[in-house]
């Protein structure tokens, strides 16, 4: 995936996750119970997945074309 598209998707996922999280915390009706309470819980989990997925897209675990850094005992 191209770096520009990857970072664009990351920013979009982060903003969507933060917006959804703020809506759940401050805007959603707090008297939801039963099935709607489970929906609210599911939306909270989706928020966590969106934010962590956006961070993963922004900073992938494996970097390409990197030079290994020397350790403290390497001379």
N, C-alpha and C. Protein backbone atom coordinates (compact mmCIF):
# COMPACT_ATOMS: atom_id res chain seq x y z
N UNK A 1 0.85 -1.17 0.00
CA UNK A 1 0.00 0.00 0.00
C UNK A 1 0.90 1.23 0.00
N UNK A 2 0.53 2.19 -0.78
CA UNK A 2 1.28 3.44 -0.87
C UNK A 2 1.25 4.15 0.49
N UNK A 3 2.36 4.79 0.84
CA UNK A 3 2.47 5.43 2.15
C UNK A 3 1.45 6.55 2.32
N UNK A 4 1.19 7.30 1.26
CA UNK A 4 0.22 8.41 1.35
C UNK A 4 -1.18 7.87 1.61
N UNK A 5 -1.57 6.82 0.89
CA UNK A 5 -2.90 6.24 1.10
C UNK A 5 -3.00 5.59 2.47
N UNK A 6 -1.91 4.97 2.91
CA UNK A 6 -1.92 4.33 4.23
C UNK A 6 -2.12 5.37 5.33
N UNK A 7 -1.40 6.47 5.24
CA UNK A 7 -1.55 7.52 6.26
C UNK A 7 -2.90 8.22 6.17
N UNK A 8 -3.43 8.38 4.96
CA UNK A 8 -4.75 8.98 4.80
C UNK A 8 -5.83 8.10 5.44
N UNK A 9 -5.75 6.79 5.20
CA UNK A 9 -6.69 5.86 5.83
C UNK A 9 -6.52 5.85 7.34
N UNK A 10 -5.28 5.99 7.81
CA UNK A 10 -5.03 6.02 9.25
C UNK A 10 -5.67 7.23 9.90
N UNK A 11 -5.51 8.39 9.28
CA UNK A 11 -6.11 9.61 9.84
C UNK A 11 -7.62 9.52 9.82
N UNK A 12 -8.18 8.97 8.73
CA UNK A 12 -9.64 8.83 8.65
C UNK A 12 -10.15 7.88 9.73
N UNK A 13 -9.46 6.76 9.94
CA UNK A 13 -9.89 5.80 10.97
C UNK A 13 -9.77 6.40 12.36
N UNK A 14 -8.69 7.14 12.62
CA UNK A 14 -8.53 7.77 13.93
C UNK A 14 -9.61 8.81 14.18
N UNK A 15 -9.88 9.65 13.20
CA UNK A 15 -10.92 10.67 13.38
C UNK A 15 -12.30 10.05 13.56
N UNK A 16 -12.60 9.00 12.79
CA UNK A 16 -13.89 8.33 12.93
C UNK A 16 -14.00 7.66 14.30
N UNK A 17 -12.92 7.03 14.76
CA UNK A 17 -12.94 6.40 16.07
C UNK A 17 -13.10 7.39 17.21
N UNK A 18 -12.39 8.51 17.12
CA UNK A 18 -12.50 9.54 18.16
C UNK A 18 -13.89 10.16 18.15
N UNK A 19 -14.43 10.43 16.97
CA UNK A 19 -15.77 11.00 16.87
C UNK A 19 -16.83 10.05 17.43
N UNK A 20 -16.73 8.78 17.07
CA UNK A 20 -17.69 7.80 17.58
C UNK A 20 -17.56 7.64 19.09
N UNK A 21 -16.34 7.65 19.59
CA UNK A 21 -16.14 7.54 21.04
C UNK A 21 -16.71 8.72 21.79
N UNK A 22 -16.50 9.91 21.27
CA UNK A 22 -17.07 11.10 21.91
C UNK A 22 -18.59 11.09 21.86
N UNK A 23 -19.16 10.60 20.75
CA UNK A 23 -20.61 10.53 20.66
C UNK A 23 -21.16 9.52 21.67
N UNK A 24 -20.48 8.38 21.81
CA UNK A 24 -20.95 7.38 22.77
C UNK A 24 -20.87 7.94 24.19
N UNK A 25 -19.80 8.67 24.49
CA UNK A 25 -19.62 9.18 25.85
C UNK A 25 -20.56 10.34 26.17
N UNK A 26 -20.78 11.24 25.22
CA UNK A 26 -21.51 12.47 25.54
C UNK A 26 -22.83 12.63 24.81
N UNK A 27 -23.02 11.98 23.66
CA UNK A 27 -24.20 12.26 22.86
C UNK A 27 -25.25 11.17 22.83
N UNK A 28 -24.83 9.93 23.01
CA UNK A 28 -25.79 8.84 22.93
C UNK A 28 -26.68 8.85 24.17
N UNK A 29 -27.94 8.45 24.02
CA UNK A 29 -28.82 8.40 25.19
C UNK A 29 -28.30 7.42 26.23
N UNK A 30 -28.21 7.85 27.48
CA UNK A 30 -27.67 7.02 28.54
C UNK A 30 -28.73 6.08 29.13
N UNK A 31 -29.97 6.22 28.73
CA UNK A 31 -30.99 5.33 29.27
C UNK A 31 -31.20 4.10 28.39
N UNK A 32 -30.29 3.84 27.46
CA UNK A 32 -30.37 2.62 26.66
C UNK A 32 -30.17 1.43 27.56
N UNK A 33 -31.05 0.46 27.47
CA UNK A 33 -30.89 -0.77 28.25
C UNK A 33 -31.31 -1.95 27.38
N UNK A 34 -30.98 -3.14 27.82
CA UNK A 34 -31.31 -4.34 27.05
C UNK A 34 -30.45 -4.45 25.80
N UNK A 35 -31.11 -4.66 24.67
CA UNK A 35 -30.40 -4.84 23.40
C UNK A 35 -29.68 -3.56 22.98
N UNK A 36 -30.26 -2.42 23.26
CA UNK A 36 -29.59 -1.17 22.90
C UNK A 36 -28.35 -0.94 23.76
N UNK A 37 -28.36 -1.43 24.98
CA UNK A 37 -27.17 -1.36 25.82
C UNK A 37 -26.04 -2.20 25.24
N UNK A 38 -26.39 -3.37 24.69
CA UNK A 38 -25.38 -4.19 24.03
C UNK A 38 -24.88 -3.52 22.75
N UNK A 39 -25.77 -2.83 22.04
CA UNK A 39 -25.36 -2.08 20.86
C UNK A 39 -24.37 -0.98 21.25
N UNK A 40 -24.64 -0.32 22.35
CA UNK A 40 -23.73 0.73 22.84
C UNK A 40 -22.37 0.14 23.19
N UNK A 41 -22.35 -1.04 23.83
CA UNK A 41 -21.10 -1.73 24.14
C UNK A 41 -20.37 -2.11 22.86
N UNK A 42 -21.10 -2.60 21.87
CA UNK A 42 -20.48 -2.97 20.60
C UNK A 42 -19.89 -1.75 19.90
N UNK A 43 -20.58 -0.63 19.96
CA UNK A 43 -20.04 0.59 19.36
C UNK A 43 -18.78 1.06 20.09
N UNK A 44 -18.73 0.85 21.38
CA UNK A 44 -17.52 1.17 22.13
C UNK A 44 -16.36 0.29 21.70
N UNK A 45 -16.61 -0.99 21.45
CA UNK A 45 -15.56 -1.88 20.98
C UNK A 45 -15.10 -1.50 19.57
N UNK A 46 -16.04 -1.10 18.73
CA UNK A 46 -15.69 -0.64 17.38
C UNK A 46 -14.80 0.60 17.48
N UNK A 47 -15.08 1.46 18.43
CA UNK A 47 -14.26 2.65 18.65
C UNK A 47 -12.82 2.26 18.97
N UNK A 48 -12.65 1.29 19.86
CA UNK A 48 -11.31 0.84 20.21
C UNK A 48 -10.59 0.23 19.01
N UNK A 49 -11.32 -0.55 18.21
CA UNK A 49 -10.71 -1.16 17.02
C UNK A 49 -10.32 -0.10 16.00
N UNK A 50 -11.15 0.91 15.81
CA UNK A 50 -10.83 1.97 14.85
C UNK A 50 -9.59 2.76 15.28
N UNK A 51 -9.48 3.08 16.55
CA UNK A 51 -8.35 3.86 17.01
C UNK A 51 -7.07 3.04 16.96
N UNK A 52 -7.12 1.79 17.40
CA UNK A 52 -5.91 0.96 17.35
C UNK A 52 -5.55 0.60 15.92
N UNK A 53 -6.53 0.40 15.06
CA UNK A 53 -6.25 0.14 13.65
C UNK A 53 -5.65 1.35 12.95
N UNK A 54 -6.13 2.52 13.30
CA UNK A 54 -5.54 3.74 12.72
C UNK A 54 -4.11 3.94 13.16
N UNK A 55 -3.83 3.64 14.43
CA UNK A 55 -2.44 3.73 14.90
C UNK A 55 -1.56 2.69 14.23
N UNK A 56 -2.10 1.49 14.00
CA UNK A 56 -1.34 0.46 13.30
C UNK A 56 -1.05 0.85 11.87
N UNK A 57 -2.03 1.49 11.20
CA UNK A 57 -1.80 1.94 9.83
C UNK A 57 -0.78 3.08 9.78
N UNK A 58 -0.82 3.95 10.76
CA UNK A 58 0.09 5.10 10.77
C UNK A 58 1.53 4.66 11.05
N UNK A 59 1.71 3.75 12.00
CA UNK A 59 3.03 3.29 12.39
C UNK A 59 3.08 1.77 12.32
N UNK A 60 3.36 1.20 11.14
CA UNK A 60 3.37 -0.25 11.02
C UNK A 60 4.51 -0.86 11.83
N UNK A 61 4.35 -2.11 12.22
CA UNK A 61 5.33 -2.79 13.06
C UNK A 61 6.63 -3.07 12.31
N UNK A 62 6.54 -3.36 11.03
CA UNK A 62 7.73 -3.66 10.25
C UNK A 62 8.02 -2.50 9.32
N UNK A 63 9.14 -1.89 9.50
CA UNK A 63 9.54 -0.79 8.63
C UNK A 63 10.39 -1.36 7.48
N UNK A 64 10.25 -0.77 6.32
CA UNK A 64 11.00 -1.23 5.15
C UNK A 64 12.23 -0.36 4.97
N UNK A 65 13.29 -0.98 4.46
CA UNK A 65 14.55 -0.27 4.14
C UNK A 65 15.12 0.42 5.37
N UNK A 66 15.22 -0.27 6.45
CA UNK A 66 15.79 0.32 7.65
C UNK A 66 17.19 -0.23 7.87
N UNK A 67 18.01 0.59 8.46
CA UNK A 67 19.38 0.19 8.80
C UNK A 67 19.35 -0.24 10.25
N UNK A 68 19.85 -1.45 10.57
CA UNK A 68 19.82 -1.88 11.96
C UNK A 68 20.71 -0.99 12.83
N UNK A 69 20.21 -0.58 13.96
CA UNK A 69 20.98 0.26 14.87
C UNK A 69 21.91 -0.62 15.69
N UNK A 70 23.11 -0.14 15.94
CA UNK A 70 24.05 -0.95 16.74
C UNK A 70 23.60 -1.03 18.18
N UNK A 71 23.94 -2.15 18.80
CA UNK A 71 23.63 -2.35 20.21
C UNK A 71 24.65 -1.64 21.08
N UNK A 72 24.45 -1.67 22.40
CA UNK A 72 25.37 -0.96 23.30
C UNK A 72 26.76 -1.58 23.34
N UNK A 73 26.91 -2.86 22.99
CA UNK A 73 28.21 -3.50 23.06
C UNK A 73 28.88 -3.63 21.69
N UNK A 74 28.22 -3.15 20.63
CA UNK A 74 28.83 -3.21 19.29
C UNK A 74 29.85 -2.09 19.14
N UNK A 75 31.03 -2.44 18.64
CA UNK A 75 32.07 -1.43 18.43
C UNK A 75 32.32 -1.24 16.97
